[in-house]
Each structure stands twice: as structure tokens, then as C-alpha cells.
């Protein structure tokens, strides 16, 4: 799991009753009711002042890039900061895991290897940053439906130990030998994902294209930021109805910290 320098924005105003308002270019696909991950995460924070949240939704909903989980983790960080502590209570991690498998790793926003459901986390310090383009063909996929469509579940395990990655090219070369077992079932449910992968591969300078998580967002990796930005501009021209952005992937711990004003 690595993190992007693009994402949603969450604001908290303390001293009010618990509530949520949603704005942003992708906010139309999200409801602000009690089932929203923001409110569900807030209710898990026992002994912490509640407040009114405003979520600026910049990432597509149900897009396989952990946007909802990152929002829930941001709730935890914001509420902990409101009471002057950044330490996550030990018993809270299990409850957050039940809320969403990606939430624990999103608390730190540091590159990590995930095992189990998402509770077994091993930090991967010093991982080279990657320049990428994210492309979502405007198809929302539910993770349970993709897992249900997974026909082969006995695939070989990932290597026990990760090699040392001295450069981004080392990391990309290793990634080319890895796989996403959910890509095939996701494509079977939404064939446009294959179009997204092929279009990314056709962009100038694309070194690798894969699907993210359970889809439908796909990513392409590039040598530098300039190539990624150029590819994103080209992709936006040829697929104007898709959600497309260039980004940097890596350690975003500093970027995700609460800013109190």
C-alpha cells in the first residue's frame, strides 16, 4: 500500500453536535447520512468531542483507491488532535478494521505491506516515490461483488521478503512480476477497465499499467512528474468522460497530519 498526494479534504469544527456536509466535484455520488464512513468512524471514538465535519470529495466513490477508508482515518486523526493527542487507542484499531480493512494503514499514510484482513502491517521505509496517472472510467464497483467473482482463490503467495529498492526503476521492475488477483474478476464485471488499462499503456512513457485494489481505478507509472502530467493531459483529451489525475505515490504521513486553526 502506497499513498497519493491527491485526495479528499476533511474539516472539523468542534463544539457542535455530530453532523456531516459534503461538497467537492465528486460529492454528488455520496450521501451524508449515518451510513457514511465519516460518521461511522466518529461514533467509534469514545470519550472524544464530536463536531461538524465537512468533506470535500475529490476522489470518485467506490473506485478502489481507498478514498472512503482514508476519510475515516482522517476523522480519527482530527478527533485525536482535538483532544491533544495523536495516539490511537489499542482497542480502537480492531473496531476500525471491522469498519474497513484499509482504515488501519490509512492512519499513518506510510508505505506498508498488508497481510491478513488488513491488521498485519509492516512498514516499508525508504520506498522510492513513483510518478503516476490515476484513471477511473466512471464505473463504481463494490469490493464484495469483485471478490465474489474471483474464481481462482488458491494463487501463489507473495514473496516473504521484499527486496531492497534503490531506485524507482528497481521498484517498477519488481512490480512487473507481481499481480492483482482482483483485476480479472473486476474486468469481467466492468469490461471498460480493460479499456482503461490499454489506454494507459498507450500513453507516452508508460512503464507499467495495472488496476488499483478492487477497481475500477487504474494507474500508470512514469519516469518523472513531467511525463505523468503529459500523459494525464493526453488521457483527459482522449477520454474526457473519465476521472484522470497525475500524482506522486509514496509516503504521505506529513501531508495527512491535522492542521489546527
Protein backbone atom coordinates (compact mmCIF):
# COMPACT_ATOMS: atom_id res chain seq x y z
CA UNK A 1 0.00 0.00 0.00
CA UNK A 2 1.36 3.39 -1.00
CA UNK A 3 -0.30 6.78 -0.78
CA UNK A 4 -1.03 9.57 -3.24
CA UNK A 5 -0.60 13.32 -2.88
CA UNK A 6 -4.15 13.84 -4.18
CA UNK A 7 -7.23 13.10 -2.11
CA UNK A 8 -10.27 14.32 -0.27
CA UNK A 9 -10.20 17.11 2.31
CA UNK A 10 -11.88 16.88 5.71
CA UNK A 11 -12.60 19.79 8.04
CA UNK A 12 -13.80 19.50 11.65
CA UNK A 13 -15.45 22.22 13.72
CA UNK A 14 -15.63 21.18 17.37
CA UNK A 15 -18.19 22.19 19.97
CA UNK A 16 -21.19 21.18 17.89
CA UNK A 17 -23.29 18.05 17.57
CA UNK A 18 -22.15 15.33 15.18
CA UNK A 19 -23.02 16.15 11.57
CA UNK A 20 -21.62 15.88 8.06
CA UNK A 21 -21.90 18.02 4.96
CA UNK A 22 -20.41 17.00 1.63
CA UNK A 23 -19.05 19.18 -1.17
CA UNK A 24 -16.48 18.85 -3.93
CA UNK A 25 -16.53 17.67 -7.55
CA UNK A 26 -17.19 14.03 -6.58
CA UNK A 27 -19.60 14.77 -3.75
CA UNK A 28 -22.70 14.09 -5.80
CA UNK A 29 -22.17 10.34 -5.55
CA UNK A 30 -22.03 10.26 -1.76
CA UNK A 31 -24.68 10.51 0.92
CA UNK A 32 -24.15 12.32 4.22
CA UNK A 33 -26.34 10.04 6.32
CA UNK A 34 -25.44 7.81 9.23
CA UNK A 35 -24.03 5.07 6.99
CA UNK A 36 -21.24 7.34 5.75
CA UNK A 37 -17.79 6.18 6.87
CA UNK A 38 -17.01 9.62 8.27
CA UNK A 39 -19.88 9.48 10.75
CA UNK A 40 -19.40 5.78 11.49
CA UNK A 41 -15.73 6.37 12.33
CA UNK A 42 -16.63 9.33 14.54
CA UNK A 43 -19.08 7.26 16.59
CA UNK A 44 -16.30 4.78 17.38
CA UNK A 45 -14.24 7.48 19.09
CA UNK A 46 -15.37 7.07 22.68
CA UNK A 47 -14.61 9.95 25.02
CA UNK A 48 -13.70 12.32 22.18
CA UNK A 49 -15.58 15.56 21.48
CA UNK A 50 -17.78 15.31 18.42
CA UNK A 51 -18.32 18.10 15.95
CA UNK A 52 -19.46 19.06 12.49
CA UNK A 53 -17.48 17.62 9.58
CA UNK A 54 -17.24 19.00 6.06
CA UNK A 55 -15.96 16.55 3.48
CA UNK A 56 -14.63 17.92 0.20
CA UNK A 57 -14.89 14.87 -2.02
CA UNK A 58 -12.25 14.94 -4.76
CA UNK A 59 -11.87 11.19 -5.36
CA UNK A 60 -14.50 9.07 -7.13
CA UNK A 61 -16.75 6.95 -4.90
CA UNK A 62 -16.23 3.15 -4.86
CA UNK A 63 -13.16 3.48 -7.05
CA UNK A 64 -10.67 1.06 -5.46
CA UNK A 65 -8.17 3.64 -4.21
CA UNK A 66 -9.17 3.74 -0.54
CA UNK A 67 -10.83 7.15 -0.54
CA UNK A 68 -13.51 6.23 1.99
CA UNK A 69 -11.01 4.49 4.25
CA UNK A 70 -8.69 7.50 4.11
CA UNK A 71 -11.61 9.76 5.04
CA UNK A 72 -12.42 7.55 8.05
CA UNK A 73 -8.78 7.58 9.14
CA UNK A 74 -8.74 11.39 8.81
CA UNK A 75 -11.71 11.51 11.20
CA UNK A 76 -9.70 9.61 13.79
CA UNK A 77 -6.66 11.88 13.40
CA UNK A 78 -8.81 15.01 13.59
CA UNK A 79 -10.69 13.92 16.70
CA UNK A 80 -7.50 12.79 18.44
CA UNK A 81 -5.89 16.14 17.62
CA UNK A 82 -8.93 17.93 19.07
CA UNK A 83 -8.13 16.44 22.45
CA UNK A 84 -4.40 17.00 22.14
CA UNK A 85 -3.17 13.50 21.42
CA UNK A 86 -2.11 11.61 18.34
CA UNK A 87 -2.01 8.16 19.92
CA UNK A 88 -4.60 5.72 18.62
CA UNK A 89 -6.11 3.66 21.48
CA UNK A 90 -5.18 0.00 21.16
CA UNK A 91 -8.78 -1.21 21.24
CA UNK A 92 -9.77 1.24 18.51
CA UNK A 93 -7.72 -0.45 15.78
CA UNK A 94 -9.84 -3.62 15.88
CA UNK A 95 -13.06 -1.62 15.67
CA UNK A 96 -11.73 0.39 12.76
CA UNK A 97 -10.68 -2.80 11.00
CA UNK A 98 -14.25 -4.06 11.24
CA UNK A 99 -15.36 -0.79 9.65
CA UNK A 100 -12.93 -1.07 6.74
CA UNK A 101 -9.88 -3.23 6.05
CA UNK A 102 -7.83 -0.29 4.69
CA UNK A 103 -8.51 2.10 7.57
CA UNK A 104 -5.64 0.99 9.89
CA UNK A 105 -2.97 1.53 7.23
CA UNK A 106 -4.54 4.88 6.32
CA UNK A 107 -3.99 6.15 9.88
CA UNK A 108 -0.29 6.64 9.15
CA UNK A 109 -0.34 7.09 5.34
CA UNK A 110 3.08 5.45 5.17
CA UNK A 111 4.04 2.74 2.66
CA UNK A 112 3.26 -0.60 4.25
CA UNK A 113 2.86 -4.24 3.43
CA UNK A 114 -0.58 -5.53 4.39
CA UNK A 115 -1.40 -9.10 5.33
CA UNK A 116 -4.45 -10.83 6.75
CA UNK A 117 -7.58 -8.76 6.50
CA UNK A 118 -5.53 -5.59 6.90
CA UNK A 119 -4.49 -5.86 10.52
CA UNK A 120 -0.97 -7.21 9.88
CA UNK A 121 1.02 -4.17 8.78
CA UNK A 122 4.74 -4.00 8.11
CA UNK A 123 6.16 -0.54 7.27
CA UNK A 124 8.31 -0.33 4.15
CA UNK A 125 10.63 2.60 4.92
CA UNK A 126 12.64 4.24 2.19
CA UNK A 127 10.40 3.05 -0.62
CA UNK A 128 11.17 5.13 -3.74
CA UNK A 129 8.45 7.56 -4.78
CA UNK A 130 6.61 6.86 -8.01
CA UNK A 131 5.09 9.22 -10.57
CA UNK A 132 1.69 8.04 -11.70
CA UNK A 133 -1.54 8.74 -13.53
CA UNK A 134 -4.81 7.57 -11.99
CA UNK A 135 -7.69 6.90 -14.37
CA UNK A 136 -11.23 5.90 -13.41
CA UNK A 137 -13.63 5.12 -16.27
CA UNK A 138 -16.60 6.22 -14.17
CA UNK A 139 -17.66 2.74 -13.10
CA UNK A 140 -18.38 2.11 -9.42
CA UNK A 141 -17.54 -1.41 -8.25
CA UNK A 142 -18.35 -2.86 -4.84
CA UNK A 143 -15.47 -4.80 -3.32
CA UNK A 144 -17.70 -7.71 -2.20
CA UNK A 145 -19.01 -8.21 -5.74
CA UNK A 146 -15.48 -8.34 -7.14
CA UNK A 147 -14.38 -10.90 -4.54
CA UNK A 148 -17.49 -12.95 -5.30
CA UNK A 149 -16.48 -13.03 -8.98
CA UNK A 150 -12.96 -14.28 -8.11
CA UNK A 151 -12.90 -17.83 -9.49
CA UNK A 152 -9.36 -18.88 -8.52
CA UNK A 153 -8.55 -18.31 -4.84
CA UNK A 154 -5.54 -20.63 -4.49
CA UNK A 155 -2.98 -18.37 -6.16
CA UNK A 156 0.69 -18.44 -5.10
CA UNK A 157 1.55 -16.24 -2.13
CA UNK A 158 3.57 -13.07 -2.46
CA UNK A 159 7.28 -13.32 -1.54
CA UNK A 160 8.01 -13.47 2.19
CA UNK A 161 10.64 -10.76 1.96
CA UNK A 162 10.70 -7.66 -0.19
CA UNK A 163 13.98 -6.85 -1.96
CA UNK A 164 15.79 -3.56 -1.48
CA UNK A 165 14.59 -0.95 -3.95
CA UNK A 166 17.36 1.55 -4.57
CA UNK A 167 15.57 3.40 -7.36
CA UNK A 168 12.06 3.80 -8.72
CA UNK A 169 13.08 1.70 -11.72
CA UNK A 170 14.06 -1.14 -9.37
CA UNK A 171 10.61 -0.98 -7.79
CA UNK A 172 8.80 -0.85 -11.13
CA UNK A 173 10.81 -3.81 -12.45
CA UNK A 174 9.77 -5.84 -9.40
CA UNK A 175 6.13 -4.78 -9.74
CA UNK A 176 6.06 -6.08 -13.30
CA UNK A 177 6.47 -9.59 -11.89
CA UNK A 178 3.63 -9.14 -9.39
CA UNK A 179 -0.11 -9.28 -9.99
CA UNK A 180 -3.53 -8.13 -8.84
CA UNK A 181 -5.75 -11.18 -8.45
CA UNK A 182 -8.85 -8.97 -8.47
CA UNK A 183 -8.13 -7.46 -11.88
CA UNK A 184 -9.62 -10.32 -13.94
CA UNK A 185 -12.90 -10.57 -11.96
CA UNK A 186 -13.24 -6.79 -11.99
CA UNK A 187 -12.80 -6.72 -15.78
CA UNK A 188 -15.44 -9.45 -16.09
CA UNK A 189 -17.89 -7.18 -14.23
CA UNK A 190 -16.79 -3.95 -15.92
CA UNK A 191 -15.03 -4.56 -19.27
CA UNK A 192 -14.26 -0.83 -19.57
CA UNK A 193 -11.45 -1.44 -17.06
CA UNK A 194 -9.57 -3.28 -19.81
CA UNK A 195 -10.01 -0.19 -21.99
CA UNK A 196 -8.54 1.94 -19.19
CA UNK A 197 -5.52 -0.34 -18.89
CA UNK A 198 -4.91 -0.40 -22.63
CA UNK A 199 -5.29 3.37 -22.93
CA UNK A 200 -2.80 3.95 -20.11
CA UNK A 201 -0.34 1.57 -21.75
CA UNK A 202 -0.71 3.52 -25.00
CA UNK A 203 0.25 6.80 -23.33
CA UNK A 204 3.75 8.08 -23.98
CA UNK A 205 6.27 6.93 -21.39
CA UNK A 206 4.03 4.49 -19.51
CA UNK A 207 6.27 1.92 -17.80
CA UNK A 208 3.54 -0.18 -16.19
CA UNK A 209 -0.27 -0.11 -16.01
CA UNK A 210 -2.39 -2.04 -13.51
CA UNK A 211 -5.71 -1.85 -11.73
CA UNK A 212 -5.77 -0.49 -8.18
CA UNK A 213 -7.34 -2.63 -5.46
CA UNK A 214 -10.73 -3.99 -6.47
CA UNK A 215 -11.14 -1.34 -9.19
CA UNK A 216 -12.23 0.34 -11.23
CA UNK A 217 -9.42 2.92 -10.97
CA UNK A 218 -6.27 2.01 -12.88
CA UNK A 219 -2.80 3.51 -12.62
CA UNK A 220 0.10 4.05 -14.98
CA UNK A 221 3.68 4.60 -13.78
CA UNK A 222 6.10 7.02 -15.43
CA UNK A 223 9.74 8.04 -15.22
CA UNK A 224 9.12 11.54 -13.85
CA UNK A 225 6.43 14.06 -12.96
CA UNK A 226 6.58 15.80 -16.35
CA UNK A 227 5.83 12.58 -18.22
CA UNK A 228 2.99 11.74 -15.84
CA UNK A 229 1.42 15.19 -16.24
CA UNK A 230 1.74 14.99 -20.03
CA UNK A 231 0.13 11.53 -20.04
CA UNK A 232 -2.72 12.75 -17.82
CA UNK A 233 -3.38 15.66 -20.17
CA UNK A 234 -3.42 13.32 -23.18
CA UNK A 235 -5.69 10.84 -21.43
CA UNK A 236 -8.11 13.60 -20.44
CA UNK A 237 -8.32 14.61 -24.10
CA UNK A 238 -8.96 11.11 -25.46
CA UNK A 239 -11.28 10.08 -22.61
CA UNK A 240 -12.92 13.33 -21.47
CA UNK A 241 -15.65 11.48 -19.56
CA UNK A 242 -13.15 9.70 -17.28
CA UNK A 243 -11.72 10.91 -13.98
CA UNK A 244 -7.99 11.42 -14.56
CA UNK A 245 -5.21 12.94 -12.48
CA UNK A 246 -1.44 12.81 -12.21
CA UNK A 247 0.04 12.21 -8.79
CA UNK A 248 3.05 11.11 -6.81
CA UNK A 249 2.87 7.86 -4.85
CA UNK A 250 4.82 7.17 -1.69
CA UNK A 251 4.96 8.33 1.94
CA UNK A 252 2.31 10.94 2.71
CA UNK A 253 2.49 10.90 6.50
CA UNK A 254 3.44 14.58 6.73
CA UNK A 255 0.74 15.60 4.24
CA UNK A 256 -2.05 13.86 6.15
CA UNK A 257 -1.40 15.41 9.56
CA UNK A 258 -4.18 17.62 11.02
CA UNK A 259 -3.72 21.37 10.75
CA UNK A 260 -5.34 23.20 13.65
CA UNK A 261 -6.58 26.77 13.26
